[in-house]
Protein backbone atom coordinates (compact mmCIF):
# COMPACT_ATOMS: atom_id res chain seq x y z
CA MET A 1 0.00 0.00 0.00
CA ASP A 2 1.27 3.47 -0.92
CA PRO A 3 1.82 5.39 2.37
CA ARG A 4 1.99 8.77 0.65
CA PRO A 5 -1.74 9.67 0.69
CA SER A 6 -1.76 9.44 4.50
CA LEU A 7 1.33 11.65 4.61
CA ILE A 8 -0.45 14.20 2.39
CA ASP A 9 -3.26 14.35 4.95
CA LYS A 10 -0.68 15.28 7.59
CA ARG A 11 0.89 17.93 5.34
CA VAL A 12 -2.41 19.79 4.96
CA LYS A 13 -3.70 19.10 8.47
CA ASN A 14 -3.18 22.73 9.48
CA VAL A 15 -4.42 24.22 6.21
CA ARG A 16 -7.87 25.64 6.85
CA ARG A 17 -9.04 25.98 3.24
CA VAL A 18 -7.80 24.54 -0.05
CA ILE A 19 -9.06 26.43 -3.10
CA ALA A 20 -8.37 24.96 -6.53
CA VAL A 21 -8.56 27.41 -9.44
CA ALA A 22 -9.53 25.32 -12.46
CA ALA A 23 -10.62 25.77 -16.07
CA GLY A 24 -12.06 23.59 -18.80
CA LYS A 25 -9.26 24.57 -21.19
CA GLY A 26 -6.05 26.56 -21.30
CA GLY A 27 -5.70 30.20 -22.23
CA VAL A 28 -8.44 31.61 -19.98
CA GLY A 29 -6.10 33.22 -17.43
CA LYS A 30 -6.46 30.57 -14.75
CA SER A 31 -2.90 31.05 -13.48
CA SER A 32 -3.38 34.82 -13.33
CA VAL A 33 -6.54 34.40 -11.26
CA ALA A 34 -4.87 31.90 -8.91
CA SER A 35 -1.76 34.06 -8.46
CA MET A 36 -3.67 37.29 -7.91
CA LEU A 37 -6.07 35.59 -5.51
CA ALA A 38 -3.12 34.33 -3.44
CA LEU A 39 -1.43 37.74 -3.60
CA GLU A 40 -4.50 39.67 -2.41
CA LEU A 41 -5.27 37.17 0.37
CA SER A 42 -1.69 37.50 1.58
CA LYS A 43 -1.92 41.30 1.59
CA ARG A 44 -5.05 41.03 3.73
CA GLY A 45 -2.99 39.33 6.43
CA TYR A 46 -3.90 35.72 5.74
CA LYS A 47 -1.30 32.95 5.77
CA VAL A 48 -1.31 31.79 2.15
CA GLY A 49 0.30 29.09 0.06
CA LEU A 50 0.25 28.79 -3.73
CA MET A 51 1.00 25.55 -5.55
CA ASP A 52 1.38 25.47 -9.33
CA LEU A 53 0.25 22.01 -10.47
CA ASP A 54 0.36 22.80 -14.19
CA PHE A 55 3.41 20.68 -15.06
CA TYR A 56 3.29 21.36 -18.79
CA GLY A 57 2.91 25.12 -18.65
CA PRO A 58 3.77 26.45 -15.18
CA SER A 59 3.49 30.22 -15.14
CA ALA A 60 2.65 31.38 -11.61
CA HIS A 61 6.35 31.96 -10.93
CA VAL A 62 6.52 34.31 -13.92
CA ILE A 63 3.42 36.25 -12.81
CA LEU A 64 4.68 36.73 -9.25
CA GLY A 65 8.33 37.22 -10.19
CA ALA A 66 9.43 34.18 -8.19
CA ARG A 67 12.93 33.90 -9.62
CA GLY A 68 16.25 33.37 -7.90
CA ILE A 69 14.70 31.57 -4.92
CA GLN A 70 14.65 27.88 -4.02
CA PRO A 71 12.88 25.70 -1.45
CA SER A 72 14.86 24.40 1.52
CA GLU A 73 14.95 20.93 3.05
CA ASP A 74 13.86 20.22 6.61
CA LYS A 75 12.08 16.89 7.10
CA GLY A 76 10.54 17.57 3.70
CA ILE A 77 10.55 20.56 1.39
CA VAL A 78 9.84 24.01 2.82
CA PRO A 79 8.48 26.36 0.12
CA PRO A 80 10.18 29.74 -0.29
CA GLU A 81 8.12 32.90 0.19
CA VAL A 82 7.21 35.32 -2.57
CA SER A 83 5.58 38.53 -1.34
CA GLY A 84 4.41 36.71 1.78
CA ILE A 85 3.13 33.67 -0.18
CA LYS A 86 4.58 30.20 0.37
CA PHE A 87 5.15 29.11 -3.21
CA MET A 88 5.72 25.64 -4.69
CA SER A 89 6.11 24.64 -8.33
CA ILE A 90 7.60 21.97 -10.58
CA VAL A 91 9.96 24.66 -11.91
CA TYR A 92 12.11 24.16 -8.82
CA TYR A 93 12.95 20.73 -10.17
CA ALA A 94 12.58 21.00 -13.94
CA GLY A 95 13.90 24.55 -14.28
CA ASP A 96 13.30 25.99 -17.74
CA SER A 97 13.32 22.52 -19.32
CA PRO A 98 10.08 20.94 -20.55
CA CYS A 99 8.46 18.32 -18.33
CA PRO A 100 7.45 15.56 -20.82
CA ILE A 101 5.66 13.17 -18.46
CA ARG A 102 2.35 11.42 -18.95
CA GLY A 103 -0.11 8.97 -17.44
CA ILE A 104 0.97 7.36 -14.19
CA ASP A 105 4.09 9.54 -14.08
CA VAL A 106 1.93 12.66 -13.82
CA SER A 107 -0.02 11.15 -10.92
CA ASN A 108 3.17 10.05 -9.18
CA SER A 109 4.68 13.51 -9.59
CA ILE A 110 1.61 15.19 -8.08
CA ILE A 111 1.53 12.71 -5.20
CA GLU A 112 5.26 13.18 -4.55
CA LEU A 113 5.04 16.97 -4.63
CA LEU A 114 2.08 16.95 -2.23
CA THR A 115 3.85 14.46 0.04
CA ILE A 116 7.15 16.29 0.42
CA THR A 117 5.86 19.88 0.71
CA ARG A 118 5.62 21.23 4.25
CA TRP A 119 3.00 23.97 4.28
CA GLY A 120 2.73 24.38 8.01
CA ASP A 121 -0.08 26.58 9.30
CA LEU A 122 -2.08 28.22 6.48
CA ASP A 123 -5.42 29.98 6.16
CA PHE A 124 -5.53 29.31 2.40
CA LEU A 125 -3.72 26.99 0.03
CA VAL A 126 -4.47 28.06 -3.54
CA LEU A 127 -3.92 25.45 -6.25
CA ASP A 128 -3.21 26.55 -9.81
CA MET A 129 -4.70 23.51 -11.55
CA PRO A 130 -3.75 22.12 -14.96
CA PRO A 131 -6.34 22.93 -17.64
CA GLY A 132 -9.06 20.39 -18.38
CA PHE A 133 -10.46 17.58 -16.29
CA GLY A 134 -8.05 14.66 -16.65
CA ASP A 135 -5.96 12.60 -14.25
CA SER A 136 -4.44 15.60 -12.48
CA THR A 137 -7.83 16.99 -11.45
CA LEU A 138 -9.03 13.57 -10.36
CA ASP A 139 -5.84 13.09 -8.33
CA VAL A 140 -6.40 16.36 -6.47
CA ILE A 141 -10.01 15.42 -5.75
CA ARG A 142 -8.87 12.05 -4.39
CA LEU A 143 -5.88 13.27 -2.39
CA LEU A 144 -7.11 16.62 -1.04
CA LYS A 145 -10.63 15.84 0.04
CA LYS A 146 -11.44 19.29 1.44
CA THR A 147 -10.65 21.07 -1.82
CA GLU A 148 -13.13 23.73 -3.00
CA PHE A 149 -13.13 24.63 -6.69
CA VAL A 150 -13.32 27.99 -8.42
CA VAL A 151 -13.93 27.60 -12.16
CA VAL A 152 -12.52 30.27 -14.49
CA TYR A 153 -13.88 30.93 -17.96
CA THR A 154 -13.79 33.56 -20.69
CA PRO A 155 -16.82 34.81 -22.68
CA SER A 156 -16.36 32.37 -25.55
CA LYS A 157 -18.73 29.69 -26.85
CA VAL A 158 -15.81 27.29 -27.20
CA VAL A 159 -14.81 27.84 -23.57
CA ILE A 160 -18.39 27.54 -22.26
CA GLU A 161 -18.59 24.06 -23.79
CA THR A 162 -15.58 22.91 -21.76
CA VAL A 163 -16.80 24.60 -18.57
CA GLU A 164 -20.01 22.59 -18.75
CA LYS A 165 -18.03 19.34 -18.92
CA LEU A 166 -15.76 20.34 -16.04
CA VAL A 167 -18.68 21.33 -13.81
CA LYS A 168 -20.50 18.08 -14.56
CA MET A 169 -17.38 16.09 -13.66
CA LEU A 170 -16.94 17.98 -10.38
CA LYS A 171 -20.60 17.45 -9.47
CA GLU A 172 -20.38 13.75 -10.29
CA ASN A 173 -17.45 13.48 -7.88
CA LYS A 174 -19.40 15.40 -5.21
CA VAL A 175 -16.82 18.17 -5.06
CA SER A 176 -17.50 21.55 -3.49
CA ILE A 177 -17.73 24.28 -6.15
CA LEU A 178 -17.52 27.80 -4.80
CA GLY A 179 -18.50 29.38 -8.08
CA LEU A 180 -17.61 30.73 -11.51
CA VAL A 181 -15.31 33.60 -12.39
CA GLU A 182 -15.49 35.31 -15.77
CA ASN A 183 -12.06 36.50 -16.91
CA MET A 184 -11.09 38.89 -19.72
CA LYS A 185 -14.56 40.38 -19.76
CA THR A 186 -15.33 42.90 -22.49
CA ARG A 187 -18.37 45.02 -23.20
CA GLY A 188 -21.18 43.05 -24.73
CA SER A 189 -19.99 39.69 -23.38
CA ASP A 190 -22.93 39.01 -21.05
CA SER A 191 -24.36 36.27 -23.28
CA ALA A 192 -21.86 33.77 -21.87
CA LYS A 193 -22.96 34.57 -18.33
CA ARG A 194 -26.59 33.97 -19.30
CA GLU A 195 -25.70 30.57 -20.77
CA LEU A 196 -24.07 29.52 -17.50
CA LYS A 197 -27.14 30.23 -15.36
CA ASP A 198 -28.42 26.73 -15.98
CA PHE A 199 -25.33 25.24 -14.28
CA GLY A 200 -26.75 26.00 -10.84
CA ILE A 201 -23.37 27.38 -9.71
CA PRO A 202 -22.92 30.80 -8.02
CA PHE A 203 -21.43 33.55 -10.16
CA LEU A 204 -18.57 35.09 -8.16
CA GLY A 205 -17.82 38.00 -10.46
CA SER A 206 -16.09 39.29 -13.57
CA ILE A 207 -12.51 40.37 -14.18
CA TRP A 208 -12.41 42.94 -16.93
CA LEU A 209 -9.78 42.68 -19.63
CA ASP A 210 -6.83 44.66 -18.25
CA LYS A 211 -4.49 45.75 -21.01
CA GLY A 212 -1.95 46.97 -18.46
CA PHE A 213 -1.70 43.63 -16.67
CA GLU A 214 1.06 42.26 -18.91
CA ASN A 215 3.40 45.14 -18.10
CA SER A 216 2.92 44.49 -14.37
CA THR A 217 3.72 40.78 -14.59
CA GLY A 218 6.69 39.81 -12.47
CA SER A 219 6.26 42.63 -9.95
CA PRO A 220 3.86 42.03 -7.03
CA GLU A 221 3.99 45.74 -6.18
CA LYS A 222 2.78 46.70 -9.66
CA LEU A 223 0.21 43.87 -9.75
CA LEU A 224 -1.41 45.25 -6.61
CA LYS A 225 -2.13 48.50 -8.50
CA THR A 226 -3.83 46.90 -11.53
CA HIS A 227 -7.51 46.89 -12.42
CA PHE A 228 -7.25 43.08 -12.30
CA ILE A 229 -6.58 43.08 -8.55
CA LYS A 230 -9.50 45.46 -7.96
CA ASP A 231 -11.84 42.90 -9.53
CA ILE A 232 -10.24 40.12 -7.47
CA ARG A 233 -10.98 42.16 -4.32
CA SER A 234 -14.68 42.16 -5.15
CA ILE A 235 -14.66 38.38 -5.62
CA ILE A 236 -12.92 37.40 -2.37
CA PRO A 237 -15.87 38.11 -0.01
CA LYS A 238 -18.03 35.77 -2.10
CA LEU A 239 -15.66 32.87 -1.48
CA LYS A 240 -17.36 32.56 1.90
CA ALA A 241 -20.67 31.81 0.22
CA ARG A 242 -22.49 28.51 0.68
CA LYS A 243 -20.67 25.69 -1.06
CA VAL A 244 -22.61 23.93 -3.79
CA ARG A 245 -22.41 20.19 -4.36
């Protein structure tokens, strides 16, 4: 029997809430939402961790400017801090090289990363999930049973199709879904929001397309002055809403 799942339970024993930021497909700004959510929660005085589980396209370290730092070893791996956030990512092991793993190797990598990481006492652990609803998502559901999901989408018919599949999968697995976040909103994009009403999931809010966000990437100080973070601030109070199963 693999002892690692029981060790994972111990690693997150003192983590009060685990929030997974997920999306039906890539390119919707999921990593930006996860990173900015962690950043704003940290600035509000919460103890926050951020874990980038997107092995194929990790980007949270780029958004937060987490370069030139490494985790330390002490009866496991202790994540370094970036702007008050305990941060963990596959980039600490793969560097700038691609991570061409698949199938059981992906699951083993997720299990190993969750097993060795010492989070300590946290109010929030934010997970930047891989896009889609494959093995990685199912592994998180199985291994971190108290995970609550936030689903990110953009106002696109193609994206809405994948959101529907992701939400159905989460409901079938009896996972807590906090709600939906619309990213890259533009004027006249409310039709997507209307289509999602039938999902029976709370709408947490919209993040308007921020053309200045790219120039702030890599600097937490600049990110905290963006329009993006202002929209995140309006979403955070709604994360306390009733969880939907």
